Amino acid sequence: MGEESKEGRCYACGGDFPQSVLKRCSRCLLVRYCSRECQKVAWVNGHNKSCKPRAQLTKALGRWMDIWRVVLCHFAGVSLDLSNHPADYNATHMMVIWITKRLDIQNPPSPQMFRVTKGDVWPLILCDAMWPELEFTPAKDMGINFLRLVVVLEDWAGDTLRVRTSSWRTASLPMTRRLDKEDSKYFAENWLQSVQDIIEKGDVSVKAVYDKLHREAAMFSRMLGD
């Protein structure tokens, strides 16, 4: 599909236009406009308060990932349905989430600054092909208790702005692998809704709950000799 036939939406008037017509805000790179007039209207109607320089956006994304690190780590394991997959599935697959910046949040960093719009589990080979610049650790070099995650930040029109990856060593994976197969399947089928609900509410106290779960899982694994 050519650039002329692919359409996008103007943030100000809501009209659909060819991508070649739309111009991105050079300051935040989050929104696009069909004309200078629409850009001016949006600026005085609130974009002047939410617009942040691109460097600030990168920093805010890193802070947001730190805020939700424990929760993201927990669901990075749950999403893999490890009870129903080979032992090295955590090395060959990873959780991928797509997020957008909430334009109604004015004071970053905020737990609710970004909204999770979709998520999936992708094989390493696909992630390597999609984002070679991230230089993922080869599967053979990933430890059995490591997880990884990809976060894709998109703008209001669905174009990619940033891609970040993180990896963790977590002692909870042996316990996750021992989940009942039906329970593991159920949790894996519903992980995205759980992540969206938790982050949408912005209740960072939930992190303590998952942190406690991981500490108990680590103790359980040590008792079993893992």
Protein backbone atom coordinates (compact mmCIF):
# COMPACT_ATOMS: atom_id res chain seq x y z
CA MET A 1 0.00 0.00 0.00
CA GLY A 2 1.49 3.33 -1.05
CA GLU A 3 1.91 6.38 1.12
CA GLU A 4 -0.90 8.16 -0.72
CA SER A 5 -3.42 5.35 -0.17
CA LYS A 6 -2.58 4.73 3.49
CA GLU A 7 -4.73 6.94 5.67
CA GLY A 8 -4.25 8.53 9.07
CA ARG A 9 -6.35 10.79 11.26
CA CYS A 10 -5.91 14.45 12.13
CA TYR A 11 -5.76 14.90 15.90
CA ALA A 12 -7.61 18.22 15.78
CA CYS A 13 -10.50 17.78 13.33
CA GLY A 14 -10.68 13.98 13.32
CA GLY A 15 -10.66 13.78 9.53
CA ASP A 16 -8.97 10.94 7.62
CA PHE A 17 -6.17 11.97 5.25
CA PRO A 18 -3.34 10.34 3.26
CA GLN A 19 -0.20 9.93 5.34
CA SER A 20 1.63 12.30 3.00
CA VAL A 21 -0.74 15.12 4.00
CA LEU A 22 -0.46 14.70 7.76
CA LYS A 23 2.37 16.46 9.60
CA ARG A 24 3.59 15.29 12.98
CA CYS A 25 4.06 17.65 15.93
CA SER A 26 7.84 18.12 15.89
CA ARG A 27 8.02 18.64 19.65
CA CYS A 28 6.33 15.50 21.03
CA LEU A 29 5.96 13.34 17.88
CA LEU A 30 2.70 11.99 19.32
CA VAL A 31 0.02 13.68 17.22
CA ARG A 32 -0.46 14.64 13.57
CA TYR A 33 -2.36 17.39 11.81
CA CYS A 34 -3.80 17.92 8.35
CA SER A 35 -3.00 21.64 8.32
CA ARG A 36 -1.33 24.48 10.16
CA GLU A 37 -4.79 25.74 11.13
CA CYS A 38 -5.65 22.46 12.86
CA GLN A 39 -2.30 22.49 14.66
CA LYS A 40 -3.00 25.99 16.01
CA VAL A 41 -6.52 25.03 17.13
CA ALA A 42 -5.28 21.94 18.97
CA TRP A 43 -2.48 23.89 20.62
CA VAL A 44 -4.75 26.49 22.23
CA ASN A 45 -7.36 23.83 23.09
CA GLY A 46 -5.05 21.81 25.32
CA HIS A 47 -2.15 20.28 23.40
CA ASN A 48 0.08 23.07 24.72
CA LYS A 49 -0.32 21.50 28.19
CA SER A 50 0.26 17.86 27.24
CA CYS A 51 2.99 18.36 24.60
CA LYS A 52 6.42 17.34 25.91
CA PRO A 53 9.77 17.21 24.07
CA ARG A 54 10.78 13.81 22.67
CA ALA A 55 13.68 13.44 25.13
CA GLN A 56 11.23 13.85 27.99
CA LEU A 57 9.02 11.19 26.42
CA THR A 58 11.88 8.67 26.36
CA LYS A 59 12.70 9.44 29.98
CA ALA A 60 9.04 9.18 31.00
CA LEU A 61 8.74 5.79 29.30
CA GLY A 62 11.72 4.49 31.24
CA ARG A 63 10.28 5.78 34.52
CA TRP A 64 6.88 4.22 33.73
CA MET A 65 8.50 0.84 33.07
CA ASP A 66 10.35 1.13 36.39
CA ILE A 67 7.10 1.93 38.22
CA TRP A 68 5.39 -1.20 36.86
CA ARG A 69 8.48 -3.43 36.74
CA VAL A 70 7.22 -6.03 39.25
CA VAL A 71 3.79 -6.27 37.63
CA LEU A 72 5.23 -6.53 34.12
CA CYS A 73 7.70 -9.18 35.24
CA HIS A 74 4.91 -11.23 36.83
CA PHE A 75 2.72 -11.22 33.74
CA ALA A 76 5.70 -11.74 31.41
CA GLY A 77 5.86 -15.18 33.02
CA VAL A 78 2.11 -15.82 33.25
CA SER A 79 1.59 -14.93 29.58
CA LEU A 80 3.89 -17.75 28.43
CA ASP A 81 1.67 -20.56 29.78
CA LEU A 82 4.81 -22.41 30.84
CA SER A 83 3.00 -25.46 32.21
CA ASN A 84 1.87 -26.27 28.68
CA HIS A 85 5.11 -25.49 26.83
CA PRO A 86 8.71 -26.75 26.69
CA ALA A 87 11.11 -25.81 29.47
CA ASP A 88 12.99 -23.35 27.24
CA TYR A 89 9.84 -21.50 26.10
CA ASN A 90 10.87 -18.47 28.18
CA ALA A 91 14.05 -18.24 26.07
CA THR A 92 12.36 -18.61 22.68
CA HIS A 93 9.28 -16.43 23.32
CA MET A 94 8.44 -13.17 25.07
CA MET A 95 5.55 -10.93 26.04
CA VAL A 96 5.05 -7.86 23.83
CA ILE A 97 2.79 -4.97 24.83
CA TRP A 98 1.80 -1.88 22.87
CA ILE A 99 1.12 1.36 24.72
CA THR A 100 0.05 4.92 23.92
CA LYS A 101 0.58 8.11 25.87
CA ARG A 102 -2.48 9.41 27.65
CA LEU A 103 -2.86 13.03 26.61
CA ASP A 104 -4.95 13.83 29.70
CA ILE A 105 -2.02 13.19 32.06
CA GLN A 106 -0.11 16.44 32.51
CA ASN A 107 2.44 15.65 35.23
CA PRO A 108 4.82 12.81 34.35
CA PRO A 109 6.02 10.49 35.59
CA SER A 110 2.63 9.04 36.46
CA PRO A 111 1.63 5.37 36.85
CA GLN A 112 -1.16 6.11 34.38
CA MET A 113 0.86 8.12 31.87
CA PHE A 114 0.65 5.32 29.30
CA ARG A 115 -2.28 3.08 28.41
CA VAL A 116 -1.78 -0.56 27.37
CA THR A 117 -3.72 -1.00 24.11
CA LYS A 118 -2.81 -4.56 23.10
CA GLY A 119 -0.49 -7.42 23.87
CA ASP A 120 0.70 -10.75 22.58
CA VAL A 121 3.35 -13.44 22.96
CA TRP A 122 5.85 -13.42 20.09
CA PRO A 123 8.63 -15.85 19.21
CA LEU A 124 12.18 -14.55 19.44
CA ILE A 125 12.68 -15.05 15.70
CA LEU A 126 9.83 -12.62 14.94
CA CYS A 127 11.05 -10.02 17.44
CA ASP A 128 14.54 -10.25 15.95
CA ALA A 129 13.14 -9.67 12.48
CA MET A 130 10.91 -6.79 13.59
CA TRP A 131 13.43 -4.97 15.82
CA PRO A 132 17.00 -6.08 14.92
CA GLU A 133 18.39 -2.96 16.59
CA LEU A 134 17.41 -4.36 20.01
CA GLU A 135 20.00 -7.15 19.65
CA PHE A 136 18.16 -9.79 21.67
CA THR A 137 20.19 -12.35 23.60
CA PRO A 138 20.16 -15.65 21.67
CA ALA A 139 17.84 -18.30 23.12
CA LYS A 140 20.74 -20.65 23.86
CA ASP A 141 22.29 -18.00 26.12
CA MET A 142 19.13 -17.29 28.12
CA GLY A 143 18.99 -18.87 31.56
CA ILE A 144 16.05 -21.03 32.57
CA ASN A 145 14.86 -18.44 35.09
CA PHE A 146 15.03 -15.39 32.83
CA LEU A 147 12.16 -13.49 31.23
CA ARG A 148 12.10 -10.74 28.65
CA LEU A 149 9.59 -8.18 27.54
CA VAL A 150 9.16 -5.74 24.65
CA VAL A 151 7.25 -2.45 25.08
CA VAL A 152 6.18 -0.66 21.89
CA LEU A 153 5.14 2.98 22.29
CA GLU A 154 2.81 4.14 19.53
CA ASP A 155 1.39 7.56 18.76
CA TRP A 156 -2.28 8.47 18.58
CA ALA A 157 -2.41 7.27 14.94
CA GLY A 158 -0.74 3.91 15.62
CA ASP A 159 2.77 4.68 14.36
CA THR A 160 5.73 3.39 16.40
CA LEU A 161 7.65 6.04 18.36
CA ARG A 162 9.86 4.00 20.71
CA VAL A 163 10.62 0.32 21.33
CA ARG A 164 12.16 -0.81 24.61
CA THR A 165 13.12 -4.25 25.85
CA SER A 166 13.87 -5.50 29.35
CA SER A 167 14.93 -8.82 30.81
CA TRP A 168 14.84 -10.14 34.35
CA ARG A 169 16.02 -13.08 36.35
CA THR A 170 13.07 -14.24 38.47
CA ALA A 171 12.97 -17.05 40.98
CA SER A 172 9.21 -17.46 40.49
CA LEU A 173 9.46 -19.31 37.17
CA PRO A 174 9.86 -22.81 38.67
CA MET A 175 6.61 -22.26 40.58
CA THR A 176 4.93 -20.88 37.43
CA ARG A 177 5.97 -24.01 35.54
CA ARG A 178 4.30 -26.17 38.21
CA LEU A 179 0.90 -24.54 37.86
CA ASP A 180 -2.00 -26.82 37.02
CA LYS A 181 -2.17 -26.99 33.22
CA GLU A 182 -5.74 -25.71 33.07
CA ASP A 183 -4.98 -22.87 35.48
CA SER A 184 -1.88 -21.93 33.51
CA LYS A 185 -3.89 -21.87 30.29
CA TYR A 186 -6.61 -19.73 31.87
CA PHE A 187 -4.14 -17.17 33.26
CA ALA A 188 -2.31 -17.01 29.92
CA GLU A 189 -5.57 -16.34 28.08
CA ASN A 190 -6.48 -13.45 30.41
CA TRP A 191 -3.16 -11.79 31.22
CA LEU A 192 -3.69 -8.80 28.93
CA GLN A 193 -6.98 -7.78 30.53
CA SER A 194 -5.38 -8.06 33.96
CA VAL A 195 -2.45 -5.82 32.97
CA GLN A 196 -4.77 -3.26 31.39
CA ASP A 197 -7.03 -3.16 34.46
CA ILE A 198 -4.15 -2.76 36.92
CA ILE A 199 -2.40 0.01 35.00
CA GLU A 200 -5.62 1.82 34.09
CA LYS A 201 -6.48 2.09 37.79
CA GLY A 202 -2.97 3.36 38.51
CA ASP A 203 -2.91 1.72 41.94
CA VAL A 204 0.80 1.18 42.49
CA SER A 205 0.07 -0.53 45.84
CA VAL A 206 -0.71 -3.65 43.81
CA LYS A 207 3.02 -3.89 43.14
CA ALA A 208 3.53 -4.91 46.76
CA VAL A 209 1.16 -7.84 46.24
CA TYR A 210 3.13 -9.17 43.26
CA ASP A 211 6.43 -8.48 45.00
CA LYS A 212 5.23 -10.63 47.90
CA LEU A 213 4.18 -13.38 45.47
CA HIS A 214 7.64 -13.39 43.91
CA ARG A 215 9.37 -13.56 47.32
CA GLU A 216 7.16 -16.49 48.36
CA ALA A 217 7.78 -18.20 45.04
CA ALA A 218 11.54 -17.81 45.49
CA MET A 219 11.31 -19.36 48.97
CA PHE A 220 9.17 -22.20 47.58
CA SER A 221 11.72 -22.86 44.83
CA ARG A 222 14.60 -22.97 47.31
CA MET A 223 12.68 -25.49 49.44
CA LEU A 224 12.30 -27.70 46.36
CA GLY A 225 15.97 -27.37 45.58
CA ASP A 226 15.58 -25.39 42.29
